Amino acid sequence: MRDIIITHQPVELYKILKFEGMARSGGEAKMFIEQGEVLVNGAVETRKRKKIIAGDQIQLFDDCARIVLDEA
């Protein structure tokens, strides 16, 4: 599992998938979410704009990440 550092929260789920390279584009990220391919904290998440905060865990296929807030 890798850490994704964010500087502010919340961040929309599809944006994290897009900007962290888990999906090639925002459209692909939204498609994965709609199809039920994304897990947030172990549960299927189908809301594209789900607000993600520090401590959340995201999984897309075999790519797992934990969200960490950079408070510096």
C-alpha atoms as a PDB file:
ATOM      1  CA  MET A   1       0.000   0.000   0.000  1.00  0.00           C
ATOM      2  CA  ARG A   2       1.316   3.425  -0.911  1.00  0.00           C
ATOM      3  CA  ASP A   3       0.604   6.789   0.673  1.00  0.00           C
ATOM      4  CA  ILE A   4      -1.025   9.637  -1.245  1.00  0.00           C
ATOM      5  CA  ILE A   5      -0.207  12.990   0.313  1.00  0.00           C
ATOM      6  CA  ILE A   6      -2.856  15.697   0.064  1.00  0.00           C
ATOM      7  CA  THR A   7      -2.432  19.322   1.130  1.00  0.00           C
ATOM      8  CA  HIS A   8      -6.112  20.067   1.702  1.00  0.00           C
ATOM      9  CA  GLN A   9      -9.240  18.062   2.331  1.00  0.00           C
ATOM     10  CA  PRO A  10     -11.688  16.894   1.274  1.00  0.00           C
ATOM     11  CA  VAL A  11     -10.744  15.865  -2.295  1.00  0.00           C
ATOM     12  CA  GLU A  12     -13.187  14.291  -4.728  1.00  0.00           C
ATOM     13  CA  LEU A  13     -12.570  10.603  -5.391  1.00  0.00           C
ATOM     14  CA  TYR A  14     -12.303  10.801  -9.180  1.00  0.00           C
ATOM     15  CA  LYS A  15      -9.668  13.556  -8.897  1.00  0.00           C
ATOM     16  CA  ILE A  16      -7.449  11.385  -6.723  1.00  0.00           C
ATOM     17  CA  LEU A  17      -7.709   8.492  -9.173  1.00  0.00           C
ATOM     18  CA  LYS A  18      -6.843  10.814 -12.066  1.00  0.00           C
ATOM     19  CA  PHE A  19      -4.013  12.840 -10.538  1.00  0.00           C
ATOM     20  CA  GLU A  20      -2.347   9.855  -8.847  1.00  0.00           C
ATOM     21  CA  GLY A  21      -2.258   7.859 -12.086  1.00  0.00           C
ATOM     22  CA  MET A  22      -4.647   5.167 -10.919  1.00  0.00           C
ATOM     23  CA  ALA A  23      -6.753   6.097 -13.986  1.00  0.00           C
ATOM     24  CA  ARG A  24      -5.488   7.624 -17.240  1.00  0.00           C
ATOM     25  CA  SER A  25      -8.086  10.407 -17.276  1.00  0.00           C
ATOM     26  CA  GLY A  26     -10.956  11.881 -15.323  1.00  0.00           C
ATOM     27  CA  GLY A  27     -13.400  10.148 -17.665  1.00  0.00           C
ATOM     28  CA  GLU A  28     -11.766   6.781 -17.082  1.00  0.00           C
ATOM     29  CA  ALA A  29     -11.778   7.402 -13.316  1.00  0.00           C
ATOM     30  CA  LYS A  30     -15.507   8.179 -13.403  1.00  0.00           C
ATOM     31  CA  MET A  31     -16.160   5.046 -15.481  1.00  0.00           C
ATOM     32  CA  PHE A  32     -14.303   2.829 -12.977  1.00  0.00           C
ATOM     33  CA  ILE A  33     -16.310   4.366 -10.136  1.00  0.00           C
ATOM     34  CA  GLU A  34     -19.647   3.949 -11.953  1.00  0.00           C
ATOM     35  CA  GLN A  35     -18.834   0.298 -12.693  1.00  0.00           C
ATOM     36  CA  GLY A  36     -18.171  -0.424  -9.009  1.00  0.00           C
ATOM     37  CA  GLU A  37     -14.446  -1.098  -9.479  1.00  0.00           C
ATOM     38  CA  VAL A  38     -13.324   1.292  -6.722  1.00  0.00           C
ATOM     39  CA  LEU A  39     -13.285   0.483  -3.023  1.00  0.00           C
ATOM     40  CA  VAL A  40     -13.107   3.190  -0.364  1.00  0.00           C
ATOM     41  CA  ASN A  41     -12.341   1.859   3.115  1.00  0.00           C
ATOM     42  CA  GLY A  42     -13.184  -1.663   1.923  1.00  0.00           C
ATOM     43  CA  ALA A  43     -16.631  -0.844   0.483  1.00  0.00           C
ATOM     44  CA  VAL A  44     -17.647  -0.352  -3.148  1.00  0.00           C
ATOM     45  CA  GLU A  45     -18.047   3.348  -3.873  1.00  0.00           C
ATOM     46  CA  THR A  46     -20.120   4.543  -6.848  1.00  0.00           C
ATOM     47  CA  ARG A  47     -20.203   8.286  -6.091  1.00  0.00           C
ATOM     48  CA  LYS A  48     -17.729  10.088  -8.364  1.00  0.00           C
ATOM     49  CA  ARG A  49     -17.607  13.129  -6.137  1.00  0.00           C
ATOM     50  CA  LYS A  50     -17.289  11.207  -2.865  1.00  0.00           C
ATOM     51  CA  LYS A  51     -15.292  13.397  -0.509  1.00  0.00           C
ATOM     52  CA  ILE A  52     -12.020  11.718   0.474  1.00  0.00           C
ATOM     53  CA  ILE A  53     -10.188  12.738   3.638  1.00  0.00           C
ATOM     54  CA  ALA A  54      -6.997  11.761   5.445  1.00  0.00           C
ATOM     55  CA  GLY A  55      -7.120   8.205   6.733  1.00  0.00           C
ATOM     56  CA  ASP A  56      -9.285   6.907   3.880  1.00  0.00           C
ATOM     57  CA  GLN A  57      -8.041   3.938   1.876  1.00  0.00           C
ATOM     58  CA  ILE A  58      -8.703   3.607  -1.841  1.00  0.00           C
ATOM     59  CA  GLN A  59      -8.361   0.486  -3.960  1.00  0.00           C
ATOM     60  CA  LEU A  60      -8.679   0.173  -7.738  1.00  0.00           C
ATOM     61  CA  PHE A  61      -7.909  -3.341  -8.957  1.00  0.00           C
ATOM     62  CA  ASP A  62      -4.548  -4.203  -7.329  1.00  0.00           C
ATOM     63  CA  ASP A  63      -3.525  -0.578  -6.661  1.00  0.00           C
ATOM     64  CA  CYS A  64      -4.071   0.319  -2.990  1.00  0.00           C
ATOM     65  CA  ALA A  65      -3.425   3.712  -1.418  1.00  0.00           C
ATOM     66  CA  ARG A  66      -3.877   5.432   1.920  1.00  0.00           C
ATOM     67  CA  ILE A  67      -4.644   9.173   2.068  1.00  0.00           C
ATOM     68  CA  VAL A  68      -2.317  11.237   4.269  1.00  0.00           C
ATOM     69  CA  LEU A  69      -2.682  14.961   5.025  1.00  0.00           C
ATOM     70  CA  ASP A  70       0.481  17.048   4.730  1.00  0.00           C
ATOM     71  CA  GLU A  71       0.031  19.694   7.403  1.00  0.00           C
ATOM     72  CA  ALA A  72       3.293  21.510   6.649  1.00  0.00           C
END
